Amino acid sequence: MMMVQAEYDLRIRSWAYKYVGIGVMATYDAGKVTLQKSDLNFSGMRQSFGGGLVFYLADKLVFRAAVALGGGEGAHPFFGVNNFL
């Protein structure tokens, strides 16, 4: 299996003395699964992209909600809560 992933988070608004923040997230993935090592190369990789919202408490990521599209498999929602305490 071979995979390339890129993700970018951008905080777009902060209020309440910078303790609470909202950001946007953009992602790009490309990957390929093969049966033999000799078939691993960058041609024929499946690609997907997505975006979502990110919520911060102080400077720590608390919650993210995103949707990934592409790859011929439809939309895939993702929700995550970080345990940073």
PDB file of N, CA and C in Angstrom:
ATOM      1  N   MET A   1       0.847  -1.167   0.000  1.00  0.00           N
ATOM      2  CA  MET A   1       0.000   0.000   0.000  1.00  0.00           C
ATOM      3  C   MET A   1       0.895   1.233   0.000  1.00  0.00           C
ATOM      4  N   MET A   2       0.491   2.218  -0.748  1.00  0.00           N
ATOM      5  CA  MET A   2       1.212   3.475  -0.833  1.00  0.00           C
ATOM      6  C   MET A   2       0.201   4.596  -0.691  1.00  0.00           C
ATOM      7  N   MET A   3       0.508   5.606   0.141  1.00  0.00           N
ATOM      8  CA  MET A   3      -0.457   6.670   0.371  1.00  0.00           C
ATOM      9  C   MET A   3       0.260   8.001   0.555  1.00  0.00           C
ATOM     10  N   VAL A   4      -0.357   9.050   0.026  1.00  0.00           N
ATOM     11  CA  VAL A   4       0.112  10.420   0.194  1.00  0.00           C
ATOM     12  C   VAL A   4      -1.049  11.211   0.768  1.00  0.00           C
ATOM     13  N   GLN A   5      -0.794  11.999   1.820  1.00  0.00           N
ATOM     14  CA  GLN A   5      -1.868  12.777   2.429  1.00  0.00           C
ATOM     15  C   GLN A   5      -1.364  14.167   2.769  1.00  0.00           C
ATOM     16  N   ALA A   6      -2.219  15.170   2.548  1.00  0.00           N
ATOM     17  CA  ALA A   6      -1.913  16.546   2.921  1.00  0.00           C
ATOM     18  C   ALA A   6      -3.135  17.132   3.618  1.00  0.00           C
ATOM     19  N   GLU A   7      -2.894  17.881   4.681  1.00  0.00           N
ATOM     20  CA  GLU A   7      -3.993  18.497   5.420  1.00  0.00           C
ATOM     21  C   GLU A   7      -3.559  19.897   5.830  1.00  0.00           C
ATOM     22  N   TYR A   8      -4.497  20.835   5.776  1.00  0.00           N
ATOM     23  CA  TYR A   8      -4.205  22.210   6.149  1.00  0.00           C
ATOM     24  C   TYR A   8      -5.327  22.720   7.038  1.00  0.00           C
ATOM     25  N   ASP A   9      -4.988  23.235   8.214  1.00  0.00           N
ATOM     26  CA  ASP A   9      -5.951  23.843   9.125  1.00  0.00           C
ATOM     27  C   ASP A   9      -5.686  25.337   9.194  1.00  0.00           C
ATOM     28  N   LEU A  10      -6.750  26.132   9.169  1.00  0.00           N
ATOM     29  CA  LEU A  10      -6.629  27.580   9.254  1.00  0.00           C
ATOM     30  C   LEU A  10      -7.645  28.093  10.253  1.00  0.00           C
ATOM     31  N   ARG A  11      -7.177  28.725  11.313  1.00  0.00           N
ATOM     32  CA  ARG A  11      -8.087  29.310  12.298  1.00  0.00           C
ATOM     33  C   ARG A  11      -8.658  30.588  11.714  1.00  0.00           C
ATOM     34  N   ILE A  12      -9.981  30.671  11.630  1.00  0.00           N
ATOM     35  CA  ILE A  12     -10.591  31.831  10.976  1.00  0.00           C
ATOM     36  C   ILE A  12     -11.217  32.815  11.950  1.00  0.00           C
ATOM     37  N   ARG A  13     -11.510  32.374  13.192  1.00  0.00           N
ATOM     38  CA  ARG A  13     -12.120  33.297  14.130  1.00  0.00           C
ATOM     39  C   ARG A  13     -11.815  32.857  15.551  1.00  0.00           C
ATOM     40  N   SER A  14     -11.561  33.815  16.400  1.00  0.00           N
ATOM     41  CA  SER A  14     -11.322  33.524  17.797  1.00  0.00           C
ATOM     42  C   SER A  14     -12.060  34.566  18.624  1.00  0.00           C
ATOM     43  N   TRP A  15     -12.694  34.128  19.678  1.00  0.00           N
ATOM     44  CA  TRP A  15     -13.390  35.058  20.551  1.00  0.00           C
ATOM     45  C   TRP A  15     -13.243  34.582  21.995  1.00  0.00           C
ATOM     46  N   ALA A  16     -13.862  35.259  22.928  1.00  0.00           N
ATOM     47  CA  ALA A  16     -13.815  34.919  24.352  1.00  0.00           C
ATOM     48  C   ALA A  16     -12.365  34.891  24.854  1.00  0.00           C
ATOM     49  N   TYR A  17     -11.651  35.994  24.587  1.00  0.00           N
ATOM     50  CA  TYR A  17     -10.259  36.124  25.035  1.00  0.00           C
ATOM     51  C   TYR A  17      -9.363  35.023  24.494  1.00  0.00           C
ATOM     52  N   LYS A  18      -9.600  34.633  23.292  1.00  0.00           N
ATOM     53  CA  LYS A  18      -8.779  33.640  22.571  1.00  0.00           C
ATOM     54  C   LYS A  18      -8.832  32.250  23.190  1.00  0.00           C
ATOM     55  N   TYR A  19      -9.861  31.943  23.951  1.00  0.00           N
ATOM     56  CA  TYR A  19      -9.998  30.596  24.512  1.00  0.00           C
ATOM     57  C   TYR A  19     -10.801  29.671  23.617  1.00  0.00           C
ATOM     58  N   VAL A  20     -11.626  30.229  22.763  1.00  0.00           N
ATOM     59  CA  VAL A  20     -12.463  29.425  21.882  1.00  0.00           C
ATOM     60  C   VAL A  20     -12.204  29.866  20.450  1.00  0.00           C
ATOM     61  N   GLY A  21     -12.014  28.916  19.539  1.00  0.00           N
ATOM     62  CA  GLY A  21     -11.735  29.272  18.151  1.00  0.00           C
ATOM     63  C   GLY A  21     -12.385  28.300  17.182  1.00  0.00           C
ATOM     64  N   ILE A  22     -12.605  28.784  15.967  1.00  0.00           N
ATOM     65  CA  ILE A  22     -13.145  27.976  14.875  1.00  0.00           C
ATOM     66  C   ILE A  22     -12.168  28.078  13.713  1.00  0.00           C
ATOM     67  N   GLY A  23     -11.989  26.983  13.005  1.00  0.00           N
ATOM     68  CA  GLY A  23     -11.123  26.986  11.839  1.00  0.00           C
ATOM     69  C   GLY A  23     -11.726  26.161  10.716  1.00  0.00           C
ATOM     70  N   VAL A  24     -11.105  26.214   9.576  1.00  0.00           N
ATOM     71  CA  VAL A  24     -11.505  25.393   8.431  1.00  0.00           C
ATOM     72  C   VAL A  24     -10.363  24.441   8.106  1.00  0.00           C
ATOM     73  N   MET A  25     -10.709  23.321   7.510  1.00  0.00           N
ATOM     74  CA  MET A  25      -9.737  22.285   7.200  1.00  0.00           C
ATOM     75  C   MET A  25      -9.937  21.844   5.758  1.00  0.00           C
ATOM     76  N   ALA A  26      -8.838  21.656   5.047  1.00  0.00           N
ATOM     77  CA  ALA A  26      -8.879  21.113   3.683  1.00  0.00           C
ATOM     78  C   ALA A  26      -7.930  19.920   3.630  1.00  0.00           C
ATOM     79  N   THR A  27      -8.349  18.832   2.979  1.00  0.00           N
ATOM     80  CA  THR A  27      -7.530  17.625   2.893  1.00  0.00           C
ATOM     81  C   THR A  27      -7.439  17.124   1.458  1.00  0.00           C
ATOM     82  N   TYR A  28      -6.357  16.404   1.184  1.00  0.00           N
ATOM     83  CA  TYR A  28      -6.165  15.739  -0.099  1.00  0.00           C
ATOM     84  C   TYR A  28      -5.471  14.407   0.177  1.00  0.00           C
ATOM     85  N   ASP A  29      -5.978  13.337  -0.391  1.00  0.00           N
ATOM     86  CA  ASP A  29      -5.396  12.008  -0.234  1.00  0.00           C
ATOM     87  C   ASP A  29      -5.238  11.360  -1.600  1.00  0.00           C
ATOM     88  N   ALA A  30      -4.198  10.582  -1.733  1.00  0.00           N
ATOM     89  CA  ALA A  30      -4.010   9.749  -2.922  1.00  0.00           C
ATOM     90  C   ALA A  30      -3.372   8.453  -2.457  1.00  0.00           C
ATOM     91  N   GLY A  31      -3.835   7.325  -2.989  1.00  0.00           N
ATOM     92  CA  GLY A  31      -3.284   6.056  -2.543  1.00  0.00           C
ATOM     93  C   GLY A  31      -3.477   4.944  -3.556  1.00  0.00           C
ATOM     94  N   LYS A  32      -2.762   3.856  -3.300  1.00  0.00           N
ATOM     95  CA  LYS A  32      -2.805   2.707  -4.199  1.00  0.00           C
ATOM     96  C   LYS A  32      -2.472   1.461  -3.391  1.00  0.00           C
ATOM     97  N   VAL A  33      -3.185   0.378  -3.633  1.00  0.00           N
ATOM     98  CA  VAL A  33      -2.924  -0.908  -2.999  1.00  0.00           C
ATOM     99  C   VAL A  33      -2.555  -1.897  -4.098  1.00  0.00           C
ATOM    100  N   THR A  34      -1.454  -2.629  -3.892  1.00  0.00           N
ATOM    101  CA  THR A  34      -1.007  -3.601  -4.887  1.00  0.00           C
ATOM    102  C   THR A  34      -0.695  -4.932  -4.216  1.00  0.00           C
ATOM    103  N   LEU A  35      -0.628  -5.966  -5.018  1.00  0.00           N
ATOM    104  CA  LEU A  35      -0.277  -7.285  -4.502  1.00  0.00           C
ATOM    105  C   LEU A  35       1.222  -7.519  -4.518  1.00  0.00           C
ATOM    106  N   GLN A  36       1.940  -6.835  -5.405  1.00  0.00           N
ATOM    107  CA  GLN A  36       3.388  -7.031  -5.516  1.00  0.00           C
ATOM    108  C   GLN A  36       4.110  -5.698  -5.356  1.00  0.00           C
ATOM    109  N   LYS A  37       5.292  -5.739  -4.754  1.00  0.00           N
ATOM    110  CA  LYS A  37       6.075  -4.518  -4.573  1.00  0.00           C
ATOM    111  C   LYS A  37       6.441  -3.879  -5.903  1.00  0.00           C
ATOM    112  N   SER A  38       6.619  -4.681  -6.923  1.00  0.00           N
ATOM    113  CA  SER A  38       7.015  -4.140  -8.223  1.00  0.00           C
ATOM    114  C   SER A  38       5.913  -3.270  -8.845  1.00  0.00           C
ATOM    115  N   ASP A  39       4.675  -3.412  -8.395  1.00  0.00           N
ATOM    116  CA  ASP A  39       3.569  -2.608  -8.919  1.00  0.00           C
ATOM    117  C   ASP A  39       3.423  -1.258  -8.216  1.00  0.00           C
ATOM    118  N   LEU A  40       4.204  -1.009  -7.157  1.00  0.00           N
ATOM    119  CA  LEU A  40       4.110   0.264  -6.448  1.00  0.00           C
ATOM    120  C   LEU A  40       4.755   1.375  -7.268  1.00  0.00           C
ATOM    121  N   ASN A  41       3.950   2.321  -7.675  1.00  0.00           N
ATOM    122  CA  ASN A  41       4.422   3.511  -8.371  1.00  0.00           C
ATOM    123  C   ASN A  41       3.343   4.579  -8.223  1.00  0.00           C
ATOM    124  N   PHE A  42       3.589   5.735  -8.764  1.00  0.00           N
ATOM    125  CA  PHE A  42       2.657   6.843  -8.604  1.00  0.00           C
ATOM    126  C   PHE A  42       1.584   6.906  -9.685  1.00  0.00           C
ATOM    127  N   SER A  43       1.530   5.960 -10.603  1.00  0.00           N
ATOM    128  CA  SER A  43       0.494   5.981 -11.636  1.00  0.00           C
ATOM    129  C   SER A  43      -0.728   5.191 -11.154  1.00  0.00           C
ATOM    130  N   GLY A  44      -1.886   5.637 -11.541  1.00  0.00           N
ATOM    131  CA  GLY A  44      -3.123   4.943 -11.215  1.00  0.00           C
ATOM    132  C   GLY A  44      -3.544   5.052  -9.759  1.00  0.00           C
ATOM    133  N   MET A  45      -3.082   6.080  -9.057  1.00  0.00           N
ATOM    134  CA  MET A  45      -3.478   6.252  -7.662  1.00  0.00           C
ATOM    135  C   MET A  45      -4.881   6.829  -7.583  1.00  0.00           C
ATOM    136  N   ARG A  46      -5.683   6.356  -6.623  1.00  0.00           N
ATOM    137  CA  ARG A  46      -7.024   6.909  -6.397  1.00  0.00           C
ATOM    138  C   ARG A  46      -6.887   8.158  -5.548  1.00  0.00           C
ATOM    139  N   GLN A  47      -7.671   9.164  -5.870  1.00  0.00           N
ATOM    140  CA  GLN A  47      -7.550  10.456  -5.209  1.00  0.00           C
ATOM    141  C   GLN A  47      -8.868  10.860  -4.563  1.00  0.00           C
ATOM    142  N   SER A  48      -8.767  11.568  -3.451  1.00  0.00           N
ATOM    143  CA  SER A  48      -9.947  12.132  -2.807  1.00  0.00           C
ATOM    144  C   SER A  48      -9.570  13.469  -2.186  1.00  0.00           C
ATOM    145  N   PHE A  49     -10.565  14.263  -1.905  1.00  0.00           N
ATOM    146  CA  PHE A  49     -10.365  15.568  -1.294  1.00  0.00           C
ATOM    147  C   PHE A  49     -11.513  15.816  -0.334  1.00  0.00           C
ATOM    148  N   GLY A  50     -11.355  16.769   0.536  1.00  0.00           N
ATOM    149  CA  GLY A  50     -12.414  17.050   1.497  1.00  0.00           C
ATOM    150  C   GLY A  50     -12.171  18.344   2.232  1.00  0.00           C
ATOM    151  N   GLY A  51     -13.086  18.636   3.118  1.00  0.00           N
ATOM    152  CA  GLY A  51     -12.992  19.850   3.916  1.00  0.00           C
ATOM    153  C   GLY A  51     -13.930  19.764   5.094  1.00  0.00           C
ATOM    154  N   GLY A  52     -13.742  20.679   6.030  1.00  0.00           N
ATOM    155  CA  GLY A  52     -14.609  20.673   7.195  1.00  0.00           C
ATOM    156  C   GLY A  52     -14.292  21.801   8.150  1.00  0.00           C
ATOM    157  N   LEU A  53     -14.863  21.690   9.349  1.00  0.00           N
ATOM    158  CA  LEU A  53     -14.689  22.676  10.404  1.00  0.00           C
ATOM    159  C   LEU A  53     -13.891  22.079  11.543  1.00  0.00           C
ATOM    160  N   VAL A  54     -13.111  22.946  12.207  1.00  0.00           N
ATOM    161  CA  VAL A  54     -12.292  22.546  13.342  1.00  0.00           C
ATOM    162  C   VAL A  54     -12.606  23.497  14.491  1.00  0.00           C
ATOM    163  N   PHE A  55     -12.767  22.946  15.694  1.00  0.00           N
ATOM    164  CA  PHE A  55     -13.066  23.752  16.873  1.00  0.00           C
ATOM    165  C   PHE A  55     -11.921  23.625  17.875  1.00  0.00           C
ATOM    166  N   TYR A  56     -11.475  24.784  18.397  1.00  0.00           N
ATOM    167  CA  TYR A  56     -10.348  24.844  19.315  1.00  0.00           C
ATOM    168  C   TYR A  56     -10.801  25.321  20.691  1.00  0.00           C
ATOM    169  N   LEU A  57     -10.115  24.870  21.720  1.00  0.00           N
ATOM    170  CA  LEU A  57     -10.251  25.388  23.070  1.00  0.00           C
ATOM    171  C   LEU A  57      -8.836  25.730  23.520  1.00  0.00           C
ATOM    172  N   ALA A  58      -8.590  26.996  23.831  1.00  0.00           N
ATOM    173  CA  ALA A  58      -7.233  27.526  24.012  1.00  0.00           C
ATOM    174  C   ALA A  58      -6.499  27.287  22.687  1.00  0.00           C
ATOM    175  N   ASP A  59      -5.390  26.617  22.662  1.00  0.00           N
ATOM    176  CA  ASP A  59      -4.705  26.326  21.403  1.00  0.00           C
ATOM    177  C   ASP A  59      -4.770  24.852  21.045  1.00  0.00           C
ATOM    178  N   LYS A  60      -5.691  24.118  21.647  1.00  0.00           N
ATOM    179  CA  LYS A  60      -5.794  22.680  21.412  1.00  0.00           C
ATOM    180  C   LYS A  60      -7.030  22.364  20.580  1.00  0.00           C
ATOM    181  N   LEU A  61      -6.846  21.488  19.617  1.00  0.00           N
ATOM    182  CA  LEU A  61      -7.946  21.049  18.767  1.00  0.00           C
ATOM    183  C   LEU A  61      -8.874  20.172  19.602  1.00  0.00           C
ATOM    184  N   VAL A  62     -10.167  20.491  19.622  1.00  0.00           N
ATOM    185  CA  VAL A  62     -11.135  19.760  20.437  1.00  0.00           C
ATOM    186  C   VAL A  62     -12.008  18.855  19.577  1.00  0.00           C
ATOM    187  N   PHE A  63     -12.533  19.376  18.468  1.00  0.00           N
ATOM    188  CA  PHE A  63     -13.510  18.656  17.661  1.00  0.00           C
ATOM    189  C   PHE A  63     -13.299  19.010  16.206  1.00  0.00           C
ATOM    190  N   ARG A  64     -13.456  18.016  15.335  1.00  0.00           N
ATOM    191  CA  ARG A  64     -13.425  18.286  13.900  1.00  0.00           C
ATOM    192  C   ARG A  64     -14.549  17.513  13.217  1.00  0.00           C
ATOM    193  N   ALA A  65     -15.122  18.148  12.226  1.00  0.00           N
ATOM    194  CA  ALA A  65     -16.169  17.534  11.404  1.00  0.00           C
ATOM    195  C   ALA A  65     -15.789  17.780   9.952  1.00  0.00           C
ATOM    196  N   ALA A  66     -15.675  16.709   9.168  1.00  0.00           N
ATOM    197  CA  ALA A  66     -15.213  16.842   7.792  1.00  0.00           C
ATOM    198  C   ALA A  66     -15.961  15.874   6.887  1.00  0.00           C
ATOM    199  N   VAL A  67     -15.912  16.149   5.600  1.00  0.00           N
ATOM    200  CA  VAL A  67     -16.472  15.275   4.574  1.00  0.00           C
ATOM    201  C   VAL A  67     -15.419  15.072   3.504  1.00  0.00           C
ATOM    202  N   ALA A  68     -15.168  13.805   3.142  1.00  0.00           N
ATOM    203  CA  ALA A  68     -14.230  13.471   2.069  1.00  0.00           C
ATOM    204  C   ALA A  68     -15.017  13.040   0.831  1.00  0.00           C
ATOM    205  N   LEU A  69     -14.573  13.468  -0.337  1.00  0.00           N
ATOM    206  CA  LEU A  69     -15.230  13.161  -1.612  1.00  0.00           C
ATOM    207  C   LEU A  69     -14.200  12.612  -2.583  1.00  0.00           C
ATOM    208  N   GLY A  70     -14.659  11.882  -3.566  1.00  0.00           N
ATOM    209  CA  GLY A  70     -13.769  11.392  -4.605  1.00  0.00           C
ATOM    210  C   GLY A  70     -13.409   9.936  -4.411  1.00  0.00           C
ATOM    211  N   GLY A  71     -12.536   9.448  -5.246  1.00  0.00           N
ATOM    212  CA  GLY A  71     -12.100   8.056  -5.169  1.00  0.00           C
ATOM    213  C   GLY A  71     -13.134   7.078  -5.678  1.00  0.00           C
ATOM    214  N   GLY A  72     -14.245   7.573  -6.215  1.00  0.00           N
ATOM    215  CA  GLY A  72     -15.276   6.691  -6.741  1.00  0.00           C
ATOM    216  C   GLY A  72     -16.109   5.991  -5.674  1.00  0.00           C
ATOM    217  N   GLU A  73     -16.036   6.453  -4.428  1.00  0.00           N
ATOM    218  CA  GLU A  73     -16.759   5.793  -3.343  1.00  0.00           C
ATOM    219  C   GLU A  73     -17.790   6.684  -2.674  1.00  0.00           C
ATOM    220  N   GLY A  74     -18.084   7.836  -3.236  1.00  0.00           N
ATOM    221  CA  GLY A  74     -19.080   8.724  -2.659  1.00  0.00           C
ATOM    222  C   GLY A  74     -18.517   9.576  -1.539  1.00  0.00           C
ATOM    223  N   ALA A  75     -19.416  10.140  -0.725  1.00  0.00           N
ATOM    224  CA  ALA A  75     -19.029  11.030   0.373  1.00  0.00           C
ATOM    225  C   ALA A  75     -18.843  10.230   1.655  1.00  0.00           C
ATOM    226  N   HIS A  76     -17.813  10.594   2.411  1.00  0.00           N
ATOM    227  CA  HIS A  76     -17.518   9.938   3.682  1.00  0.00           C
ATOM    228  C   HIS A  76     -17.413  11.004   4.774  1.00  0.00           C
ATOM    229  N   PRO A  77     -18.406  11.088   5.690  1.00  0.00           N
ATOM    230  CA  PRO A  77     -18.302  12.055   6.784  1.00  0.00           C
ATOM    231  C   PRO A  77     -17.364  11.534   7.875  1.00  0.00           C
ATOM    232  N   PHE A  78     -16.728  12.464   8.573  1.00  0.00           N
ATOM    233  CA  PHE A  78     -15.827  12.121   9.665  1.00  0.00           C
ATOM    234  C   PHE A  78     -16.053  13.099  10.809  1.00  0.00           C
ATOM    235  N   PHE A  79     -16.209  12.573  12.014  1.00  0.00           N
ATOM    236  CA  PHE A  79     -16.354  13.386  13.211  1.00  0.00           C
ATOM    237  C   PHE A  79     -15.338  12.886  14.230  1.00  0.00           C
ATOM    238  N   GLY A  80     -14.609  13.788  14.831  1.00  0.00           N
ATOM    239  CA  GLY A  80     -13.600  13.370  15.796  1.00  0.00           C
ATOM    240  C   GLY A  80     -13.541  14.309  16.984  1.00  0.00           C
ATOM    241  N   VAL A  81     -13.394  13.735  18.170  1.00  0.00           N
ATOM    242  CA  VAL A  81     -13.229  14.498  19.399  1.00  0.00           C
ATOM    243  C   VAL A  81     -11.888  14.112  19.997  1.00  0.00           C
ATOM    244  N   ASN A  82     -11.034  15.091  20.272  1.00  0.00           N
ATOM    245  CA  ASN A  82      -9.723  14.821  20.850  1.00  0.00           C
ATOM    246  C   ASN A  82      -9.807  14.763  22.359  1.00  0.00           C
ATOM    247  N   ASN A  83      -9.065  13.847  22.938  1.00  0.00           N
ATOM    248  CA  ASN A  83      -8.967  13.736  24.393  1.00  0.00           C
ATOM    249  C   ASN A  83      -7.630  14.319  24.804  1.00  0.00           C
ATOM    250  N   PHE A  84      -7.600  15.591  25.159  1.00  0.00           N
ATOM    251  CA  PHE A  84      -6.344  16.255  25.487  1.00  0.00           C
ATOM    252  C   PHE A  84      -6.201  16.578  26.957  1.00  0.00           C
ATOM    253  N   LEU A  85      -7.172  16.217  27.777  1.00  0.00           N
ATOM    254  CA  LEU A  85      -7.093  16.523  29.219  1.00  0.00           C
ATOM    255  C   LEU A  85      -6.223  15.538  29.954  1.00  0.00           C
TER     256      LEU A  85
END
